[in-house]
């Protein structure tokens, strides 16, 4: 039986602690989350998914974390979901598949979209199925020149899940999204950048340093203003103009109570570079 809707390749042994399969470090306000199952092209197990969700929730709640980088080891960013590590269940009944997707892949994508800190994807290799959607859900996407994106579901006779049919039309429009999803062709990083799925493509050897530099810029910025901006942009795609304008005004009202907003205005008046503290 295939390990997941997204991928039917042999993912190897998914054993190992979540801490070893999802590496985590924080430095100077940046939370670095690294998928670490290179022998399986970083196909995500149930335990790994739960750890990523938890780390994103911690980033939201920790004022010391001001930006998040999501990346991976080896040749692949994420080959999809590997459900072999999921808790055992009995015979399948109607509703099981929908529940699995709702509580699994969709929760993972929502955790990225809802994280209160900016999330940067550093895509080091193949991102397929839910792996592609994991990258597309991030606020900014850097890709190595060797990276590629694959809407692999159609190759298995499946409907895209993990938020793909929600994310892609909003990023590149419905016709381009249908092309990727109907054919399931491999999309090189350069073409992904041309379509607007990727912010920047860099040489493979420069990916880590570029991601670190971008993340540090985010971490040095006005954290609450960036969080509110993220919420406004994400919500605007589903809102009418009146609702979007009202949300914008309220976000600025809230933001003006922060110390960073006061510091930004003071820096402008005093003709100096403001020093933001994330509060």
Foldseek 3Di string as FASTA:
>chain_A
DAQDLWDRDDQPDPDDALCQQWPWDDDQQEIETEGESQSRLSAAEQRVLVVLLVVLVVLQVDLSHAEYEYAYDHAHGHSYHGHPNPDDDDDDDPPPVVVCLVVTLQSSLVSQLLRLHAYEYLTLAEQTQSRLSNRLSGPAYEYEQHHKYWPCNVVVVHDRGSCLVPRVCVQQRDVVSCVRNVPRDIGGPVNCVVRRSHVYYDHSVCRVVVSVVVRNVSSFAQRLLVSLVSVLVVCVVVDDPVVSVVSVVVSVVVVCVDPRVVQVVVCVVVVHDGGHSRD
